[in-house]
Amino acid sequence: MKSKLLFFASILFFACQGSKNHPDTGNTTPADATEIPVEPPVEAATAATSDTIPNPTGLTKLGEATGDLDKDGKDEKAIVYDTKRETDLGTERELHIFKSNNGLWELWHKTTGPVMPSQNGGMMGDPFQGVVIENGSLVLHHFGGSRTKWTYTHRYRFQGAAWKLIGATTNTGSPCDYWETYDYNLSTGKINYNKEVEDCSKSEDNPAITKTTKDFTNKPKVLPNMDGFHPGENELKLPKMEEPFYY
């Protein structure tokens, strides 16, 4: 149990540094959470040597990451903003990706959907935990729930002139009950499943643990687009599994 609590604690610490759908999230797609087409640079372009990009009017920055996203040897910036636009699950978020062009930061792409609204975390509050660029991929972290908690990690990559979902990792459970993890590599189709059932009848600090591990293959014909993708709302049924999982 301690290791799992540390897992969730590490997710929260990371944020400070930088459904059957789950009932706690409501899992309702906001009516206005639609793809936003690429637009000209927001406000005025900013010098690419600057670490700061001014917030677009009406938006509040929640997190940002810097790294090379298109393998051109130059860093891009990814910034998550809160829009203050109300939906059924709180305020809508936007993801903006900036590219360096002739020494200026210019808007390359922006979208809604892959970043959850502000109340999608249920009793745990705001689900957004951070954005990272690693190994040429854009990674978004979310966390939420009540007694049963969940984490989502989604990995996106620019390929074929579009942003695609290439990986999803979900972890769900609660202490003295169970913990389930699905690690789904959409590029290869490989899925690793792990489940730990915790028996705390004798000791909550040192529960008896029963582990189950399975491997599956489910390669999608087409990788999902990042635009319009909504974490936790995508069902996948696997052979010999009683319940589908959502990513």
Protein backbone atom coordinates (compact mmCIF):
# COMPACT_ATOMS: atom_id res chain seq x y z
CA MET A 1 0.00 0.00 0.00
CA LYS A 2 2.83 2.39 0.88
CA SER A 3 4.33 1.98 -2.58
CA LYS A 4 1.04 2.87 -4.22
CA LEU A 5 0.50 5.90 -2.00
CA LEU A 6 4.03 7.00 -2.89
CA PHE A 7 3.08 6.56 -6.56
CA PHE A 8 0.24 9.06 -6.25
CA ALA A 9 2.35 11.33 -4.07
CA SER A 10 4.99 11.40 -6.80
CA ILE A 11 2.38 12.47 -9.34
CA LEU A 12 1.37 15.38 -7.10
CA PHE A 13 5.02 16.29 -6.46
CA PHE A 14 5.70 16.31 -10.20
CA ALA A 15 2.90 18.81 -10.69
CA CYS A 16 4.51 21.21 -8.22
CA GLN A 17 7.67 20.94 -10.18
CA GLY A 18 7.15 22.21 -13.48
CA SER A 19 -15.06 5.07 -17.48
CA LYS A 20 -17.39 1.91 -17.30
CA ASN A 21 -15.98 5.48 -17.08
CA HIS A 22 -14.86 6.72 -13.71
CA PRO A 23 -17.93 8.01 -11.93
CA ASP A 24 -15.94 10.67 -10.08
CA THR A 25 -15.13 12.48 -13.30
CA GLY A 26 -18.63 12.64 -14.68
CA ASN A 27 -16.94 11.68 -17.96
CA THR A 28 -19.07 14.01 -20.01
CA THR A 29 -17.42 15.56 -23.02
CA PRO A 30 -17.82 19.35 -22.82
CA ALA A 31 -20.14 20.56 -25.51
CA ASP A 32 -17.68 23.18 -26.69
CA ALA A 33 -14.50 21.08 -26.32
CA THR A 34 -13.89 20.87 -30.06
CA GLU A 35 -10.75 21.00 -32.13
CA ILE A 36 -9.41 24.50 -32.57
CA PRO A 37 -7.71 24.99 -35.93
CA VAL A 38 -4.19 26.29 -36.24
CA GLU A 39 -4.23 30.06 -36.16
CA PRO A 40 -1.70 32.85 -36.71
CA PRO A 41 0.62 33.66 -33.81
CA VAL A 42 -1.17 34.66 -30.61
CA GLU A 43 -0.77 38.37 -29.87
CA ALA A 44 2.74 39.35 -31.02
CA ALA A 45 5.50 36.86 -31.73
CA THR A 46 8.07 36.67 -28.94
CA ALA A 47 11.84 36.44 -29.28
CA ALA A 48 12.82 32.78 -29.27
CA THR A 49 15.69 33.57 -26.95
CA SER A 50 13.19 34.53 -24.25
CA ASP A 51 12.11 31.95 -21.68
CA THR A 52 8.74 33.65 -21.34
CA ILE A 53 5.86 33.77 -23.80
CA PRO A 54 3.22 36.35 -22.79
CA ASN A 55 -0.12 34.80 -21.90
CA PRO A 56 -2.73 35.31 -24.63
CA THR A 57 -5.55 37.60 -23.58
CA GLY A 58 -8.01 35.86 -21.26
CA LEU A 59 -5.85 32.77 -20.70
CA THR A 60 -3.95 31.66 -17.59
CA LYS A 61 -0.86 29.46 -17.87
CA LEU A 62 -1.04 26.17 -15.96
CA GLY A 63 2.20 24.54 -17.08
CA GLU A 64 4.82 24.48 -19.81
CA ALA A 65 7.59 22.31 -21.20
CA THR A 66 10.49 22.83 -23.62
CA GLY A 67 12.06 20.27 -25.93
CA ASP A 68 12.52 19.12 -29.52
CA LEU A 69 9.22 17.79 -30.86
CA ASP A 70 9.96 17.48 -34.59
CA LYS A 71 13.56 16.23 -34.60
CA ASP A 72 14.92 19.37 -36.21
CA GLY A 73 17.46 19.96 -33.47
CA LYS A 74 15.60 23.00 -32.15
CA ASP A 75 13.44 23.21 -29.05
CA GLU A 76 9.72 23.84 -29.17
CA LYS A 77 7.51 25.01 -26.30
CA ALA A 78 4.26 23.43 -25.13
CA ILE A 79 2.03 25.47 -22.81
CA VAL A 80 -1.26 24.48 -21.16
CA TYR A 81 -3.70 27.34 -20.52
CA ASP A 82 -6.94 27.65 -18.61
CA THR A 83 -9.50 29.47 -20.74
CA LYS A 84 -12.09 30.40 -18.06
CA ARG A 85 -14.70 29.08 -20.52
CA GLU A 86 -17.21 27.11 -18.45
CA THR A 87 -18.23 23.56 -19.39
CA ASP A 88 -20.21 20.87 -17.56
CA LEU A 89 -16.97 19.85 -15.83
CA GLY A 90 -15.40 23.19 -15.05
CA THR A 91 -13.29 25.45 -17.21
CA GLU A 92 -11.92 24.31 -20.55
CA ARG A 93 -8.18 24.05 -21.20
CA GLU A 94 -6.12 24.69 -24.32
CA LEU A 95 -2.77 23.25 -25.35
CA HIS A 96 -0.56 25.62 -27.38
CA ILE A 97 2.62 24.48 -29.12
CA PHE A 98 5.13 27.13 -30.20
CA LYS A 99 7.93 26.85 -32.74
CA SER A 100 11.01 28.99 -33.22
CA ASN A 101 10.87 30.77 -36.56
CA ASN A 102 13.60 33.23 -37.52
CA GLY A 103 14.34 33.94 -33.88
CA LEU A 104 10.70 34.33 -32.83
CA TRP A 105 8.29 32.08 -30.94
CA GLU A 106 5.28 31.52 -33.19
CA LEU A 107 2.18 29.47 -32.58
CA TRP A 108 2.50 26.13 -34.36
CA HIS A 109 -0.63 24.34 -33.12
CA LYS A 110 -3.36 24.65 -30.53
CA THR A 111 -6.14 22.33 -29.47
CA THR A 112 -8.61 21.40 -26.75
CA GLY A 113 -9.52 17.91 -25.61
CA PRO A 114 -6.27 16.27 -24.49
CA VAL A 115 -6.17 18.43 -21.34
CA MET A 116 -9.07 17.70 -18.97
CA PRO A 117 -11.40 20.47 -17.73
CA SER A 118 -10.81 21.90 -14.25
CA GLN A 119 -13.37 19.76 -12.38
CA ASN A 120 -12.74 16.47 -14.18
CA GLY A 121 -10.73 15.21 -11.20
CA GLY A 122 -13.82 14.67 -9.05
CA MET A 123 -13.21 15.03 -5.32
CA MET A 124 -9.46 15.35 -5.92
CA GLY A 125 -9.99 18.67 -7.70
CA ASP A 126 -8.15 19.90 -10.77
CA PRO A 127 -6.91 16.80 -12.65
CA PHE A 128 -4.10 18.49 -14.61
CA GLN A 129 -0.75 17.45 -13.14
CA GLY A 130 1.76 18.61 -15.71
CA VAL A 131 3.15 18.64 -19.23
CA VAL A 132 6.56 17.25 -20.22
CA ILE A 133 8.52 16.85 -23.44
CA GLU A 134 10.67 13.73 -23.43
CA ASN A 135 12.11 11.51 -26.17
CA GLY A 136 10.52 13.70 -28.82
CA SER A 137 7.03 13.20 -27.38
CA LEU A 138 4.58 15.49 -25.63
CA VAL A 139 3.41 13.92 -22.35
CA LEU A 140 0.36 15.00 -20.34
CA HIS A 141 -0.37 13.82 -16.78
CA HIS A 142 -3.76 13.76 -15.01
CA PHE A 143 -4.90 12.55 -11.59
CA GLY A 144 -8.29 12.31 -9.86
CA GLY A 145 -10.94 10.29 -8.06
CA SER A 146 -12.08 9.93 -4.44
CA ARG A 147 -11.42 6.76 -2.47
CA THR A 148 -10.77 5.05 -5.79
CA LYS A 149 -8.10 7.12 -7.47
CA TRP A 150 -6.78 7.15 -11.00
CA THR A 151 -3.90 8.53 -13.01
CA TYR A 152 -3.60 8.96 -16.76
CA THR A 153 -0.41 9.52 -18.72
CA HIS A 154 -0.80 10.16 -22.45
CA ARG A 155 2.02 10.49 -24.96
CA TYR A 156 1.64 12.33 -28.27
CA ARG A 157 4.05 12.63 -31.17
CA PHE A 158 4.14 14.72 -34.32
CA GLN A 159 4.25 12.30 -37.24
CA GLY A 160 2.79 12.28 -40.71
CA ALA A 161 2.07 16.03 -40.47
CA ALA A 162 -0.31 15.47 -37.53
CA TRP A 163 -0.24 14.98 -33.77
CA LYS A 164 -0.98 11.37 -32.81
CA LEU A 165 -1.55 9.48 -29.57
CA ILE A 166 1.24 6.90 -29.32
CA GLY A 167 0.99 5.77 -25.68
CA ALA A 168 -1.38 5.67 -22.72
CA THR A 169 -0.78 4.46 -19.17
CA THR A 170 -3.63 4.21 -16.67
CA ASN A 171 -3.52 3.31 -12.98
CA THR A 172 -6.67 2.82 -10.91
CA GLY A 173 -7.39 1.60 -7.40
CA SER A 174 -7.49 2.27 -3.68
CA PRO A 175 -5.54 1.10 -0.60
CA CYS A 176 -6.50 -2.28 0.88
CA ASP A 177 -8.44 -3.11 -2.25
CA TYR A 178 -6.76 -3.30 -5.64
CA TRP A 179 -4.49 -1.46 -8.08
CA GLU A 180 -4.74 -1.97 -11.84
CA THR A 181 -2.27 -0.68 -14.39
CA TYR A 182 -2.56 -0.75 -18.17
CA ASP A 183 0.45 0.36 -20.19
CA TYR A 184 -0.64 0.68 -23.82
CA ASN A 185 1.84 1.32 -26.61
CA LEU A 186 -0.44 2.23 -29.50
CA SER A 187 2.43 2.37 -31.98
CA THR A 188 3.25 -1.32 -31.46
CA GLY A 189 -0.14 -2.43 -30.14
CA LYS A 190 1.43 -4.01 -27.06
CA ILE A 191 -0.49 -3.77 -23.77
CA ASN A 192 0.97 -4.76 -20.41
CA TYR A 193 -1.58 -5.36 -17.64
CA ASN A 194 -0.74 -5.58 -13.94
CA LYS A 195 -3.13 -6.02 -11.03
CA GLU A 196 -2.36 -6.14 -7.32
CA VAL A 197 -5.04 -7.17 -4.84
CA GLU A 198 -4.29 -5.99 -1.30
CA ASP A 199 -5.55 -7.84 1.79
CA CYS A 200 -5.25 -5.59 4.85
CA SER A 201 -7.19 -7.84 7.23
CA LYS A 202 -4.03 -8.50 9.26
CA SER A 203 -2.03 -5.34 8.61
CA GLU A 204 -2.73 -2.15 6.70
CA ASP A 205 0.95 -1.22 6.73
CA ASN A 206 2.01 -4.59 5.34
CA PRO A 207 -0.91 -6.01 3.35
CA ALA A 208 -0.86 -9.41 1.70
CA ILE A 209 -0.58 -8.82 -2.05
CA THR A 210 -1.68 -11.05 -4.90
CA LYS A 211 -0.28 -10.08 -8.30
CA THR A 212 -1.56 -10.80 -11.80
CA THR A 213 0.26 -9.90 -15.02
CA LYS A 214 -0.99 -10.31 -18.58
CA ASP A 215 0.14 -9.18 -22.01
CA PHE A 216 -2.11 -8.32 -24.95
CA THR A 217 -1.76 -7.02 -28.47
CA ASN A 218 -4.25 -4.58 -29.98
CA LYS A 219 -2.75 -2.39 -32.68
CA PRO A 220 -5.15 0.28 -33.97
CA LYS A 221 -5.46 0.62 -37.73
CA VAL A 222 -4.99 4.35 -37.37
CA LEU A 223 -3.45 6.16 -34.42
CA PRO A 224 -5.91 8.55 -32.70
CA ASN A 225 -5.44 12.23 -33.38
CA MET A 226 -4.49 14.41 -30.43
CA ASP A 227 -7.05 17.00 -31.55
CA GLY A 228 -10.38 16.14 -29.99
CA PHE A 229 -8.97 13.25 -27.94
CA HIS A 230 -10.49 13.06 -24.44
CA PRO A 231 -8.56 11.12 -21.74
CA GLY A 232 -10.53 8.41 -19.96
CA GLU A 233 -13.32 8.24 -22.53
CA ASN A 234 -11.85 5.60 -24.86
CA GLU A 235 -12.99 2.03 -24.24
CA LEU A 236 -10.99 -1.07 -25.13
CA LYS A 237 -12.22 -4.62 -24.52
CA LEU A 238 -9.52 -7.26 -24.22
CA PRO A 239 -9.93 -11.04 -24.54
CA LYS A 240 -10.55 -12.99 -21.31
CA MET A 241 -10.93 -9.77 -19.32
CA GLU A 242 -14.21 -9.28 -17.48
CA GLU A 243 -14.20 -5.50 -17.81
CA PRO A 244 -12.97 -3.14 -20.53
CA PHE A 245 -10.44 -0.50 -19.67
CA TYR A 246 -10.64 3.18 -20.46
CA TYR A 247 -7.70 5.33 -21.52
